[in-house]
Every structure is written in C-alpha cells, then in structure tokens.
C-alpha cells in the first residue's frame, strides 16, 4: 500500500514532490514533511484518503512560509564602486512572503 500512496502523491501536481514522506502501518497512513501553502497540505491528505485500503490519515505536514530573498538591482548601469558608494539609482525588491 505504501507504493500506491507514494504514487498517488507523486502524480498530484499540487503536492511538491520530495517534500512529503509516507509511513504506512496497516491502513493508517502518516504524512510528514513540509510545504509552503495550506492547500498543498490538504491536497496531500485528500489524495491519500482516496487510495484503496487507506482507513485513516495522520497529517503531520508542516506549512512553512517560503524564505524571503532580497536583492538589489542597479537600474542605471552606474552603480560601480565599493558598497555604500553607489552613484546610480538602486532598487530593492523582496521576493516571497514575509512573516
């Protein structure tokens, strides 16, 4: 049954591959790992519940916000020199969600 559950999760495009692990004890399936959005967690559980032979699901998947990455972009091409001594126009952009 473990292979059937793993296969169902693998083909569910809403569940990030390789972030969720599966343990099966009889018909009880335990899901562990982490995802970035709540719908990914609930989608994993719903998918597993549809696998024949599954009698219960323990969903221990954690939802973690993606890390925020901040980069600086020089928009004029004149941003040479040591840090803090830039003469061109500088824009900072944040990607991801902040906590």
PDB file of N, CA and C in Angstrom:
ATOM      1  N   UNK A   1       0.813  -1.189   0.000  1.00  0.00           N
ATOM      2  CA  UNK A   1       0.000   0.000   0.000  1.00  0.00           C
ATOM      3  C   UNK A   1       0.864   1.263   0.000  1.00  0.00           C
ATOM      4  N   UNK A   2       2.047   1.193   0.600  1.00  0.00           N
ATOM      5  CA  UNK A   2       2.924   2.362   0.627  1.00  0.00           C
ATOM      6  C   UNK A   2       3.234   2.846  -0.788  1.00  0.00           C
ATOM      7  N   UNK A   3       3.486   1.911  -1.699  1.00  0.00           N
ATOM      8  CA  UNK A   3       3.786   2.293  -3.084  1.00  0.00           C
ATOM      9  C   UNK A   3       2.599   2.983  -3.737  1.00  0.00           C
ATOM     10  N   UNK A   4       1.388   2.510  -3.459  1.00  0.00           N
ATOM     11  CA  UNK A   4       0.193   3.119  -4.042  1.00  0.00           C
ATOM     12  C   UNK A   4       0.004   4.544  -3.526  1.00  0.00           C
ATOM     13  N   UNK A   5       0.239   4.738  -2.227  1.00  0.00           N
ATOM     14  CA  UNK A   5       0.110   6.081  -1.640  1.00  0.00           C
ATOM     15  C   UNK A   5       1.181   7.005  -2.208  1.00  0.00           C
ATOM     16  N   UNK A   6       2.417   6.540  -2.248  1.00  0.00           N
ATOM     17  CA  UNK A   6       3.516   7.360  -2.783  1.00  0.00           C
ATOM     18  C   UNK A   6       3.261   7.712  -4.243  1.00  0.00           C
ATOM     19  N   UNK A   7       2.747   6.770  -5.018  1.00  0.00           N
ATOM     20  CA  UNK A   7       2.454   7.017  -6.425  1.00  0.00           C
ATOM     21  C   UNK A   7       1.346   8.066  -6.581  1.00  0.00           C
ATOM     22  N   UNK A   8       0.308   7.960  -5.755  1.00  0.00           N
ATOM     23  CA  UNK A   8      -0.786   8.938  -5.825  1.00  0.00           C
ATOM     24  C   UNK A   8      -0.273  10.344  -5.516  1.00  0.00           C
ATOM     25  N   UNK A   9       0.574  10.463  -4.506  1.00  0.00           N
ATOM     26  CA  UNK A   9       1.140  11.771  -4.170  1.00  0.00           C
ATOM     27  C   UNK A   9       2.067  12.283  -5.271  1.00  0.00           C
ATOM     28  N   UNK A  10       2.826  11.384  -5.869  1.00  0.00           N
ATOM     29  CA  UNK A  10       3.768  11.772  -6.921  1.00  0.00           C
ATOM     30  C   UNK A  10       3.034  12.440  -8.087  1.00  0.00           C
ATOM     31  N   UNK A  11       1.865  11.917  -8.437  1.00  0.00           N
ATOM     32  CA  UNK A  11       1.122  12.438  -9.583  1.00  0.00           C
ATOM     33  C   UNK A  11       0.200  13.591  -9.232  1.00  0.00           C
ATOM     34  N   UNK A  12       0.106  13.959  -7.970  1.00  0.00           N
ATOM     35  CA  UNK A  12      -0.684  15.118  -7.569  1.00  0.00           C
ATOM     36  C   UNK A  12       0.210  16.351  -7.716  1.00  0.00           C
ATOM     37  N   UNK A  13      -0.056  17.153  -8.720  1.00  0.00           N
ATOM     38  CA  UNK A  13       0.808  18.307  -9.009  1.00  0.00           C
ATOM     39  C   UNK A  13       0.704  19.409  -7.961  1.00  0.00           C
ATOM     40  N   UNK A  14      -0.315  19.355  -7.100  1.00  0.00           N
ATOM     41  CA  UNK A  14      -0.448  20.364  -6.038  1.00  0.00           C
ATOM     42  C   UNK A  14       0.467  20.070  -4.857  1.00  0.00           C
ATOM     43  N   UNK A  15       1.022  18.865  -4.801  1.00  0.00           N
ATOM     44  CA  UNK A  15       1.890  18.475  -3.687  1.00  0.00           C
ATOM     45  C   UNK A  15       3.335  18.504  -4.165  1.00  0.00           C
ATOM     46  N   UNK A  16       4.177  19.350  -3.575  1.00  0.00           N
ATOM     47  CA  UNK A  16       5.578  19.414  -4.002  1.00  0.00           C
ATOM     48  C   UNK A  16       6.274  18.061  -3.821  1.00  0.00           C
ATOM     49  N   UNK A  17       6.812  17.555  -4.891  1.00  0.00           N
ATOM     50  CA  UNK A  17       7.498  16.267  -4.848  1.00  0.00           C
ATOM     51  C   UNK A  17       8.712  16.339  -3.940  1.00  0.00           C
ATOM     52  N   UNK A  18       8.976  15.258  -3.294  1.00  0.00           N
ATOM     53  CA  UNK A  18      10.163  15.089  -2.447  1.00  0.00           C
ATOM     54  C   UNK A  18      10.118  15.926  -1.164  1.00  0.00           C
ATOM     55  N   UNK A  19       8.978  16.523  -0.831  1.00  0.00           N
ATOM     56  CA  UNK A  19       8.876  17.264   0.427  1.00  0.00           C
ATOM     57  C   UNK A  19       7.971  16.558   1.423  1.00  0.00           C
ATOM     58  N   UNK A  20       7.300  15.510   0.970  1.00  0.00           N
ATOM     59  CA  UNK A  20       6.366  14.791   1.826  1.00  0.00           C
ATOM     60  C   UNK A  20       6.798  13.331   1.891  1.00  0.00           C
ATOM     61  N   UNK A  21       6.888  12.792   3.116  1.00  0.00           N
ATOM     62  CA  UNK A  21       7.222  11.381   3.283  1.00  0.00           C
ATOM     63  C   UNK A  21       5.992  10.638   3.778  1.00  0.00           C
ATOM     64  N   UNK A  22       5.994   9.334   3.528  1.00  0.00           N
ATOM     65  CA  UNK A  22       4.839   8.493   3.826  1.00  0.00           C
ATOM     66  C   UNK A  22       5.273   7.318   4.687  1.00  0.00           C
ATOM     67  N   UNK A  23       4.517   7.064   5.755  1.00  0.00           N
ATOM     68  CA  UNK A  23       4.681   5.846   6.546  1.00  0.00           C
ATOM     69  C   UNK A  23       3.323   5.164   6.590  1.00  0.00           C
ATOM     70  N   UNK A  24       3.309   3.843   6.435  1.00  0.00           N
ATOM     71  CA  UNK A  24       2.057   3.098   6.448  1.00  0.00           C
ATOM     72  C   UNK A  24       2.147   2.020   7.522  1.00  0.00           C
ATOM     73  N   UNK A  25       1.126   1.972   8.366  1.00  0.00           N
ATOM     74  CA  UNK A  25       1.018   0.937   9.395  1.00  0.00           C
ATOM     75  C   UNK A  25      -0.385   0.357   9.281  1.00  0.00           C
ATOM     76  N   UNK A  26      -0.493  -0.799   8.636  1.00  0.00           N
ATOM     77  CA  UNK A  26      -1.809  -1.341   8.331  1.00  0.00           C
ATOM     78  C   UNK A  26      -2.463  -0.430   7.317  1.00  0.00           C
ATOM     79  N   UNK A  27      -3.627   0.095   7.636  1.00  0.00           N
ATOM     80  CA  UNK A  27      -4.292   1.038   6.732  1.00  0.00           C
ATOM     81  C   UNK A  27      -4.139   2.479   7.166  1.00  0.00           C
ATOM     82  N   UNK A  28      -3.363   2.723   8.228  1.00  0.00           N
ATOM     83  CA  UNK A  28      -3.144   4.082   8.715  1.00  0.00           C
ATOM     84  C   UNK A  28      -1.912   4.684   8.045  1.00  0.00           C
ATOM     85  N   UNK A  29      -2.097   5.815   7.417  1.00  0.00           N
ATOM     86  CA  UNK A  29      -1.011   6.492   6.695  1.00  0.00           C
ATOM     87  C   UNK A  29      -0.622   7.747   7.464  1.00  0.00           C
ATOM     88  N   UNK A  30       0.672   7.927   7.699  1.00  0.00           N
ATOM     89  CA  UNK A  30       1.198   9.136   8.327  1.00  0.00           C
ATOM     90  C   UNK A  30       1.962   9.930   7.280  1.00  0.00           C
ATOM     91  N   UNK A  31       1.580  11.193   7.126  1.00  0.00           N
ATOM     92  CA  UNK A  31       2.257  12.102   6.188  1.00  0.00           C
ATOM     93  C   UNK A  31       3.122  13.057   6.996  1.00  0.00           C
ATOM     94  N   UNK A  32       4.373  13.222   6.587  1.00  0.00           N
ATOM     95  CA  UNK A  32       5.289  14.152   7.246  1.00  0.00           C
ATOM     96  C   UNK A  32       6.044  14.932   6.193  1.00  0.00           C
ATOM     97  N   UNK A  33       6.646  16.021   6.600  1.00  0.00           N
ATOM     98  CA  UNK A  33       7.411  16.862   5.699  1.00  0.00           C
ATOM     99  C   UNK A  33       6.974  18.303   5.848  1.00  0.00           C
ATOM    100  N   UNK A  34       7.211  19.100   4.801  1.00  0.00           N
ATOM    101  CA  UNK A  34       6.780  20.494   4.843  1.00  0.00           C
ATOM    102  C   UNK A  34       6.391  20.976   3.458  1.00  0.00           C
ATOM    103  N   UNK A  35       5.463  21.910   3.430  1.00  0.00           N
ATOM    104  CA  UNK A  35       5.018  22.556   2.196  1.00  0.00           C
ATOM    105  C   UNK A  35       4.939  24.055   2.480  1.00  0.00           C
ATOM    106  N   UNK A  36       4.716  24.846   1.439  1.00  0.00           N
ATOM    107  CA  UNK A  36       4.681  26.294   1.604  1.00  0.00           C
ATOM    108  C   UNK A  36       3.262  26.848   1.736  1.00  0.00           C
ATOM    109  N   UNK A  37       2.267  26.056   1.355  1.00  0.00           N
ATOM    110  CA  UNK A  37       0.890  26.561   1.378  1.00  0.00           C
ATOM    111  C   UNK A  37      -0.054  25.528   1.976  1.00  0.00           C
ATOM    112  N   UNK A  38      -1.081  26.012   2.660  1.00  0.00           N
ATOM    113  CA  UNK A  38      -2.037  25.123   3.327  1.00  0.00           C
ATOM    114  C   UNK A  38      -2.765  24.219   2.334  1.00  0.00           C
ATOM    115  N   UNK A  39      -3.067  24.722   1.124  1.00  0.00           N
ATOM    116  CA  UNK A  39      -3.784  23.881   0.167  1.00  0.00           C
ATOM    117  C   UNK A  39      -2.942  22.676  -0.261  1.00  0.00           C
ATOM    118  N   UNK A  40      -1.614  22.803  -0.234  1.00  0.00           N
ATOM    119  CA  UNK A  40      -0.762  21.665  -0.580  1.00  0.00           C
ATOM    120  C   UNK A  40      -0.895  20.570   0.482  1.00  0.00           C
ATOM    121  N   UNK A  41      -0.973  20.975   1.738  1.00  0.00           N
ATOM    122  CA  UNK A  41      -1.141  20.029   2.842  1.00  0.00           C
ATOM    123  C   UNK A  41      -2.482  19.319   2.733  1.00  0.00           C
ATOM    124  N   UNK A  42      -3.547  20.079   2.537  1.00  0.00           N
ATOM    125  CA  UNK A  42      -4.875  19.464   2.458  1.00  0.00           C
ATOM    126  C   UNK A  42      -5.039  18.623   1.204  1.00  0.00           C
ATOM    127  N   UNK A  43      -4.403  19.017   0.121  1.00  0.00           N
ATOM    128  CA  UNK A  43      -4.467  18.235  -1.112  1.00  0.00           C
ATOM    129  C   UNK A  43      -3.775  16.888  -0.944  1.00  0.00           C
ATOM    130  N   UNK A  44      -2.652  16.881  -0.230  1.00  0.00           N
ATOM    131  CA  UNK A  44      -1.943  15.626   0.029  1.00  0.00           C
ATOM    132  C   UNK A  44      -2.839  14.673   0.817  1.00  0.00           C
ATOM    133  N   UNK A  45      -3.488  15.187   1.847  1.00  0.00           N
ATOM    134  CA  UNK A  45      -4.358  14.341   2.664  1.00  0.00           C
ATOM    135  C   UNK A  45      -5.540  13.815   1.855  1.00  0.00           C
ATOM    136  N   UNK A  46      -6.178  14.669   1.079  1.00  0.00           N
ATOM    137  CA  UNK A  46      -7.328  14.247   0.275  1.00  0.00           C
ATOM    138  C   UNK A  46      -6.933  13.180  -0.737  1.00  0.00           C
ATOM    139  N   UNK A  47      -5.760  13.327  -1.332  1.00  0.00           N
ATOM    140  CA  UNK A  47      -5.267  12.347  -2.304  1.00  0.00           C
ATOM    141  C   UNK A  47      -5.063  10.993  -1.639  1.00  0.00           C
ATOM    142  N   UNK A  48      -4.447  10.992  -0.473  1.00  0.00           N
ATOM    143  CA  UNK A  48      -4.158   9.746   0.230  1.00  0.00           C
ATOM    144  C   UNK A  48      -5.451   9.053   0.662  1.00  0.00           C
ATOM    145  N   UNK A  49      -6.437   9.807   1.080  1.00  0.00           N
ATOM    146  CA  UNK A  49      -7.711   9.216   1.526  1.00  0.00           C
ATOM    147  C   UNK A  49      -8.416   8.447   0.407  1.00  0.00           C
ATOM    148  N   UNK A  50      -8.151   8.806  -0.840  1.00  0.00           N
ATOM    149  CA  UNK A  50      -8.785   8.129  -1.983  1.00  0.00           C
ATOM    150  C   UNK A  50      -8.083   6.836  -2.391  1.00  0.00           C
ATOM    151  N   UNK A  51      -6.928   6.545  -1.824  1.00  0.00           N
ATOM    152  CA  UNK A  51      -6.200   5.318  -2.173  1.00  0.00           C
ATOM    153  C   UNK A  51      -6.913   4.121  -1.534  1.00  0.00           C
ATOM    154  N   UNK A  52      -7.238   3.101  -2.322  1.00  0.00           N
ATOM    155  CA  UNK A  52      -7.913   1.916  -1.768  1.00  0.00           C
ATOM    156  C   UNK A  52      -7.101   1.283  -0.637  1.00  0.00           C
ATOM    157  N   UNK A  53      -7.782   0.952   0.448  1.00  0.00           N
ATOM    158  CA  UNK A  53      -7.136   0.311   1.587  1.00  0.00           C
ATOM    159  C   UNK A  53      -6.757   1.262   2.704  1.00  0.00           C
ATOM    160  N   UNK A  54      -6.769   2.551   2.449  1.00  0.00           N
ATOM    161  CA  UNK A  54      -6.438   3.533   3.482  1.00  0.00           C
ATOM    162  C   UNK A  54      -7.646   3.696   4.400  1.00  0.00           C
ATOM    163  N   UNK A  55      -7.435   3.487   5.702  1.00  0.00           N
ATOM    164  CA  UNK A  55      -8.529   3.619   6.662  1.00  0.00           C
ATOM    165  C   UNK A  55      -8.411   4.891   7.504  1.00  0.00           C
ATOM    166  N   UNK A  56      -7.247   5.520   7.495  1.00  0.00           N
ATOM    167  CA  UNK A  56      -7.054   6.756   8.244  1.00  0.00           C
ATOM    168  C   UNK A  56      -5.785   7.452   7.819  1.00  0.00           C
ATOM    169  N   UNK A  57      -5.763   8.771   8.019  1.00  0.00           N
ATOM    170  CA  UNK A  57      -4.589   9.585   7.650  1.00  0.00           C
ATOM    171  C   UNK A  57      -4.224  10.464   8.834  1.00  0.00           C
ATOM    172  N   UNK A  58      -2.973  10.419   9.219  1.00  0.00           N
ATOM    173  CA  UNK A  58      -2.427  11.334  10.219  1.00  0.00           C
ATOM    174  C   UNK A  58      -1.564  12.329   9.437  1.00  0.00           C
ATOM    175  N   UNK A  59      -2.056  13.552   9.345  1.00  0.00           N
ATOM    176  CA  UNK A  59      -1.375  14.565   8.538  1.00  0.00           C
ATOM    177  C   UNK A  59      -0.490  15.424   9.436  1.00  0.00           C
ATOM    178  N   UNK A  60       0.809  15.140   9.423  1.00  0.00           N
ATOM    179  CA  UNK A  60       1.785  15.884  10.216  1.00  0.00           C
ATOM    180  C   UNK A  60       2.640  16.802   9.343  1.00  0.00           C
ATOM    181  N   UNK A  61       2.130  17.135   8.180  1.00  0.00           N
ATOM    182  CA  UNK A  61       2.861  18.026   7.274  1.00  0.00           C
ATOM    183  C   UNK A  61       2.838  19.439   7.851  1.00  0.00           C
ATOM    184  N   UNK A  62       3.998  20.068   7.911  1.00  0.00           N
ATOM    185  CA  UNK A  62       4.109  21.442   8.406  1.00  0.00           C
ATOM    186  C   UNK A  62       3.997  22.417   7.239  1.00  0.00           C
ATOM    187  N   UNK A  63       3.337  23.534   7.491  1.00  0.00           N
ATOM    188  CA  UNK A  63       3.247  24.598   6.490  1.00  0.00           C
ATOM    189  C   UNK A  63       4.215  25.692   6.899  1.00  0.00           C
ATOM    190  N   UNK A  64       5.197  25.946   6.043  1.00  0.00           N
ATOM    191  CA  UNK A  64       6.212  26.982   6.307  1.00  0.00           C
ATOM    192  C   UNK A  64       6.184  27.996   5.178  1.00  0.00           C
ATOM    193  N   UNK A  65       6.203  29.249   5.542  1.00  0.00           N
ATOM    194  CA  UNK A  65       6.274  30.294   4.529  1.00  0.00           C
ATOM    195  C   UNK A  65       7.626  30.221   3.833  1.00  0.00           C
ATOM    196  N   UNK A  66       7.652  30.491   2.527  1.00  0.00           N
ATOM    197  CA  UNK A  66       8.940  30.491   1.834  1.00  0.00           C
ATOM    198  C   UNK A  66       9.853  31.575   2.386  1.00  0.00           C
ATOM    199  N   UNK A  67      11.132  31.328   2.307  1.00  0.00           N
ATOM    200  CA  UNK A  67      12.096  32.325   2.782  1.00  0.00           C
ATOM    201  C   UNK A  67      12.051  33.546   1.872  1.00  0.00           C
ATOM    202  N   UNK A  68      12.247  34.694   2.466  1.00  0.00           N
ATOM    203  CA  UNK A  68      12.256  35.939   1.721  1.00  0.00           C
ATOM    204  C   UNK A  68      13.676  36.215   1.250  1.00  0.00           C
ATOM    205  N   UNK A  69      13.799  36.501  -0.029  1.00  0.00           N
ATOM    206  CA  UNK A  69      15.105  36.801  -0.617  1.00  0.00           C
ATOM    207  C   UNK A  69      15.077  38.252  -1.060  1.00  0.00           C
ATOM    208  N   UNK A  70      16.043  39.008  -0.635  1.00  0.00           N
ATOM    209  CA  UNK A  70      16.117  40.411  -1.002  1.00  0.00           C
ATOM    210  C   UNK A  70      17.322  40.615  -1.913  1.00  0.00           C
ATOM    211  N   UNK A  71      17.081  41.265  -3.058  1.00  0.00           N
ATOM    212  CA  UNK A  71      18.185  41.562  -3.975  1.00  0.00           C
ATOM    213  C   UNK A  71      18.150  43.047  -4.315  1.00  0.00           C
ATOM    214  N   UNK A  72      19.266  43.555  -4.735  1.00  0.00           N
ATOM    215  CA  UNK A  72      19.347  44.942  -5.178  1.00  0.00           C
ATOM    216  C   UNK A  72      19.676  44.947  -6.651  1.00  0.00           C
ATOM    217  N   UNK A  73      19.007  45.826  -7.381  1.00  0.00           N
ATOM    218  CA  UNK A  73      19.194  45.903  -8.825  1.00  0.00           C
ATOM    219  C   UNK A  73      19.600  47.318  -9.180  1.00  0.00           C
ATOM    220  N   UNK A  74      20.685  47.450  -9.894  1.00  0.00           N
ATOM    221  CA  UNK A  74      21.120  48.753 -10.376  1.00  0.00           C
ATOM    222  C   UNK A  74      20.350  49.048 -11.660  1.00  0.00           C
ATOM    223  N   UNK A  75      19.611  50.145 -11.695  1.00  0.00           N
ATOM    224  CA  UNK A  75      18.763  50.438 -12.851  1.00  0.00           C
ATOM    225  C   UNK A  75      19.388  51.403 -13.847  1.00  0.00           C
ATOM    226  N   UNK A  76      20.513  52.007 -13.519  1.00  0.00           N
ATOM    227  CA  UNK A  76      21.095  52.977 -14.447  1.00  0.00           C
ATOM    228  C   UNK A  76      22.407  52.511 -15.047  1.00  0.00           C
ATOM    229  N   UNK A  77      22.984  51.441 -14.514  1.00  0.00           N
ATOM    230  CA  UNK A  77      24.264  50.971 -15.008  1.00  0.00           C
ATOM    231  C   UNK A  77      25.442  51.713 -14.407  1.00  0.00           C
ATOM    232  N   UNK A  78      25.186  52.682 -13.536  1.00  0.00           N
ATOM    233  CA  UNK A  78      26.264  53.474 -12.945  1.00  0.00           C
ATOM    234  C   UNK A  78      26.447  53.135 -11.471  1.00  0.00           C
ATOM    235  N   UNK A  79      26.255  51.905 -11.125  1.00  0.00           N
ATOM    236  CA  UNK A  79      26.313  51.506  -9.719  1.00  0.00           C
ATOM    237  C   UNK A  79      27.630  50.804  -9.395  1.00  0.00           C
ATOM    238  N   UNK A  80      28.712  51.194 -10.001  1.00  0.00           N
ATOM    239  CA  UNK A  80      30.002  50.594  -9.705  1.00  0.00           C
ATOM    240  C   UNK A  80      30.592  51.221  -8.448  1.00  0.00           C
ATOM    241  N   UNK A  81      31.623  50.596  -7.970  1.00  0.00           N
ATOM    242  CA  UNK A  81      32.316  51.145  -6.812  1.00  0.00           C
ATOM    243  C   UNK A  81      32.065  50.304  -5.589  1.00  0.00           C
ATOM    244  N   UNK A  82      32.679  50.681  -4.468  1.00  0.00           N
ATOM    245  CA  UNK A  82      32.516  49.911  -3.234  1.00  0.00           C
ATOM    246  C   UNK A  82      31.088  50.030  -2.703  1.00  0.00           C
ATOM    247  N   UNK A  83      30.650  49.034  -1.927  1.00  0.00           N
ATOM    248  CA  UNK A  83      29.302  49.101  -1.355  1.00  0.00           C
ATOM    249  C   UNK A  83      29.122  50.384  -0.551  1.00  0.00           C
ATOM    250  N   UNK A  84      27.965  50.981  -0.664  1.00  0.00           N
ATOM    251  CA  UNK A  84      27.671  52.210   0.070  1.00  0.00           C
ATOM    252  C   UNK A  84      28.077  53.459  -0.692  1.00  0.00           C
ATOM    253  N   UNK A  85      28.824  53.296  -1.786  1.00  0.00           N
ATOM    254  CA  UNK A  85      29.268  54.457  -2.550  1.00  0.00           C
ATOM    255  C   UNK A  85      28.649  54.460  -3.937  1.00  0.00           C
ATOM    256  N   UNK A  86      27.488  53.863  -4.100  1.00  0.00           N
ATOM    257  CA  UNK A  86      26.862  53.774  -5.417  1.00  0.00           C
ATOM    258  C   UNK A  86      26.298  55.129  -5.810  1.00  0.00           C
ATOM    259  N   UNK A  87      26.486  55.462  -7.058  1.00  0.00           N
ATOM    260  CA  UNK A  87      26.030  56.756  -7.538  1.00  0.00           C
ATOM    261  C   UNK A  87      24.790  56.644  -8.400  1.00  0.00           C
ATOM    262  N   UNK A  88      24.455  55.449  -8.856  1.00  0.00           N
ATOM    263  CA  UNK A  88      23.287  55.274  -9.722  1.00  0.00           C
ATOM    264  C   UNK A  88      22.028  55.046  -8.908  1.00  0.00           C
ATOM    265  N   UNK A  89      20.943  54.796  -9.618  1.00  0.00           N
ATOM    266  CA  UNK A  89      19.655  54.530  -8.979  1.00  0.00           C
ATOM    267  C   UNK A  89      19.602  53.059  -8.570  1.00  0.00           C
ATOM    268  N   UNK A  90      19.234  52.813  -7.345  1.00  0.00           N
ATOM    269  CA  UNK A  90      19.227  51.453  -6.823  1.00  0.00           C
ATOM    270  C   UNK A  90      17.821  51.107  -6.354  1.00  0.00           C
ATOM    271  N   UNK A  91      17.341  49.930  -6.778  1.00  0.00           N
ATOM    272  CA  UNK A  91      16.032  49.465  -6.337  1.00  0.00           C
ATOM    273  C   UNK A  91      16.216  48.166  -5.574  1.00  0.00           C
ATOM    274  N   UNK A  92      15.504  48.022  -4.479  1.00  0.00           N
ATOM    275  CA  UNK A  92      15.500  46.770  -3.734  1.00  0.00           C
ATOM    276  C   UNK A  92      14.155  46.107  -3.937  1.00  0.00           C
ATOM    277  N   UNK A  93      14.197  44.808  -4.114  1.00  0.00           N
ATOM    278  CA  UNK A  93      12.956  44.053  -4.293  1.00  0.00           C
ATOM    279  C   UNK A  93      12.982  42.870  -3.356  1.00  0.00           C
ATOM    280  N   UNK A  94      11.828  42.533  -2.807  1.00  0.00           N
ATOM    281  CA  UNK A  94      11.693  41.379  -1.925  1.00  0.00           C
ATOM    282  C   UNK A  94      10.849  40.344  -2.647  1.00  0.00           C
ATOM    283  N   UNK A  95      11.280  39.104  -2.578  1.00  0.00           N
ATOM    284  CA  UNK A  95      10.562  38.013  -3.201  1.00  0.00           C
ATOM    285  C   UNK A  95      10.091  37.058  -2.115  1.00  0.00           C
ATOM    286  N   UNK A  96       8.907  36.532  -2.255  1.00  0.00           N
ATOM    287  CA  UNK A  96       8.364  35.626  -1.253  1.00  0.00           C
ATOM    288  C   UNK A  96       7.490  36.400  -0.287  1.00  0.00           C
ATOM    289  N   UNK A  97       7.059  35.694   0.766  1.00  0.00           N
ATOM    290  CA  UNK A  97       6.209  36.327   1.771  1.00  0.00           C
ATOM    291  C   UNK A  97       7.046  36.621   2.995  1.00  0.00           C
ATOM    292  N   UNK A  98       6.724  37.704   3.647  1.00  0.00           N
ATOM    293  CA  UNK A  98       7.406  38.000   4.911  1.00  0.00           C
ATOM    294  C   UNK A  98       6.524  37.548   6.045  1.00  0.00           C
ATOM    295  N   UNK A  99       7.146  37.196   7.164  1.00  0.00           N
ATOM    296  CA  UNK A  99       6.376  36.711   8.314  1.00  0.00           C
ATOM    297  C   UNK A  99       5.819  37.849   9.108  1.00  0.00           C
TER     298      UNK A  99
END
